[in-house]
Amino acid sequence: MNEKQKDELLKHVVGAIGAIKAQFEVEVIKDYEIPPLVNTKTMQDIGFGVKLQLNTRYDYDEEMLTQWKNMLKADEWYISVKRNQLHVTFKVRYKED
């Protein structure tokens, strides 16, 4: 995947985050970050994570998170709780040409 394709994928992800927020009247996503994913053995950049901090007054189900995964073109997602904050992380990996 070349740099232009990587930039396009990142723009898509940012747009998808905006679309997810727009599904709700109030901010369902309180904050987000998009750190790079790195292969720990080769130290190669293999994609990026999408870490969403969620507003805990909303109920989340697997169907909704699967919909978000598809919107983000992510490979997988998992939920974590840090400092009493609910987070969901999606892994978006670069696809080979």
Protein backbone atom coordinates (compact mmCIF):
# COMPACT_ATOMS: atom_id res chain seq x y z
CA MET A 1 0.00 0.00 0.00
CA ASN A 2 1.51 3.32 -1.03
CA GLU A 3 1.41 6.60 0.92
CA LYS A 4 -1.54 7.98 -1.08
CA GLN A 5 -3.61 4.87 -0.30
CA LYS A 6 -2.66 5.12 3.40
CA ASP A 7 -3.75 8.77 3.45
CA GLU A 8 -7.05 7.87 1.76
CA LEU A 9 -7.72 5.14 4.33
CA LEU A 10 -6.98 7.56 7.18
CA LYS A 11 -9.35 10.16 5.67
CA HIS A 12 -12.01 7.46 5.39
CA VAL A 13 -11.58 6.54 9.07
CA VAL A 14 -11.84 10.16 10.21
CA GLY A 15 -14.98 10.57 8.10
CA ALA A 16 -16.44 7.37 9.53
CA ILE A 17 -15.86 8.64 13.08
CA GLY A 18 -17.82 11.76 12.16
CA ALA A 19 -20.63 9.62 10.73
CA ILE A 20 -20.75 7.52 13.89
CA LYS A 21 -21.04 10.68 16.01
CA ALA A 22 -23.80 11.97 13.73
CA GLN A 23 -25.91 8.87 14.44
CA PHE A 24 -26.61 10.26 17.91
CA GLU A 25 -28.15 13.54 19.06
CA VAL A 26 -25.58 13.89 21.84
CA GLU A 27 -21.90 13.04 21.65
CA VAL A 28 -21.73 9.29 21.95
CA ILE A 29 -17.98 9.50 21.41
CA LYS A 30 -16.35 11.73 24.03
CA ASP A 31 -12.86 11.55 22.55
CA TYR A 32 -10.79 9.56 20.07
CA GLU A 33 -7.23 8.99 18.96
CA ILE A 34 -5.72 7.17 15.98
CA PRO A 35 -2.30 5.80 16.97
CA PRO A 36 -0.24 3.70 14.54
CA LEU A 37 -0.22 -0.10 14.76
CA VAL A 38 3.31 -1.47 14.75
CA ASN A 39 4.45 -5.08 14.31
CA THR A 40 6.49 -5.63 17.48
CA LYS A 41 8.81 -8.15 15.79
CA THR A 42 9.68 -6.15 12.68
CA MET A 43 8.76 -2.65 14.00
CA GLN A 44 6.94 -2.14 10.68
CA ASP A 45 3.92 0.18 10.49
CA ILE A 46 1.00 -2.15 9.69
CA GLY A 47 -1.99 0.17 10.10
CA PHE A 48 -3.53 2.12 12.91
CA GLY A 49 -5.83 1.74 15.87
CA VAL A 50 -8.98 3.76 16.34
CA LYS A 51 -9.46 4.29 20.07
CA LEU A 52 -12.88 5.70 20.90
CA GLN A 53 -13.78 6.88 24.41
CA LEU A 54 -17.50 6.28 24.76
CA ASN A 55 -20.15 8.11 26.74
CA THR A 56 -21.20 5.55 29.34
CA ARG A 57 -24.83 6.65 29.47
CA TYR A 58 -25.47 4.91 26.16
CA ASP A 59 -26.03 1.19 25.79
CA TYR A 60 -23.79 -0.60 23.32
CA ASP A 61 -24.40 -3.95 21.74
CA GLU A 62 -22.43 -6.21 19.45
CA GLU A 63 -24.56 -5.30 16.44
CA MET A 64 -23.78 -1.59 16.86
CA LEU A 65 -20.05 -2.21 17.30
CA THR A 66 -20.03 -4.51 14.27
CA GLN A 67 -21.69 -1.74 12.26
CA TRP A 68 -18.99 0.68 13.43
CA LYS A 69 -16.30 -1.89 12.54
CA ASN A 70 -17.68 -2.10 9.00
CA MET A 71 -17.88 1.70 8.69
CA LEU A 72 -14.24 1.97 9.75
CA LYS A 73 -13.15 -0.94 7.51
CA ALA A 74 -11.55 -2.45 10.61
CA ASP A 75 -10.35 -6.02 11.07
CA GLU A 76 -11.43 -6.39 14.69
CA TRP A 77 -12.51 -4.51 17.80
CA TYR A 78 -12.33 -4.95 21.54
CA ILE A 79 -13.67 -3.13 24.59
CA SER A 80 -11.64 -2.01 27.60
CA VAL A 81 -12.21 0.03 30.72
CA LYS A 82 -9.48 2.41 31.86
CA ARG A 83 -9.88 4.77 34.82
CA ASN A 84 -13.63 4.15 34.86
CA GLN A 85 -13.84 5.17 31.18
CA LEU A 86 -15.26 2.87 28.51
CA HIS A 87 -13.11 2.52 25.40
CA VAL A 88 -13.53 0.54 22.20
CA THR A 89 -10.50 0.01 19.98
CA PHE A 90 -10.74 -0.93 16.32
CA LYS A 91 -7.71 -2.27 14.45
CA VAL A 92 -7.47 -1.03 10.86
CA ARG A 93 -4.64 -2.80 9.03
CA TYR A 94 -3.18 -1.80 5.71
CA LYS A 95 -4.08 -4.30 3.02
CA GLU A 96 -1.42 -5.51 0.61
CA ASP A 97 -1.67 -4.30 -2.97
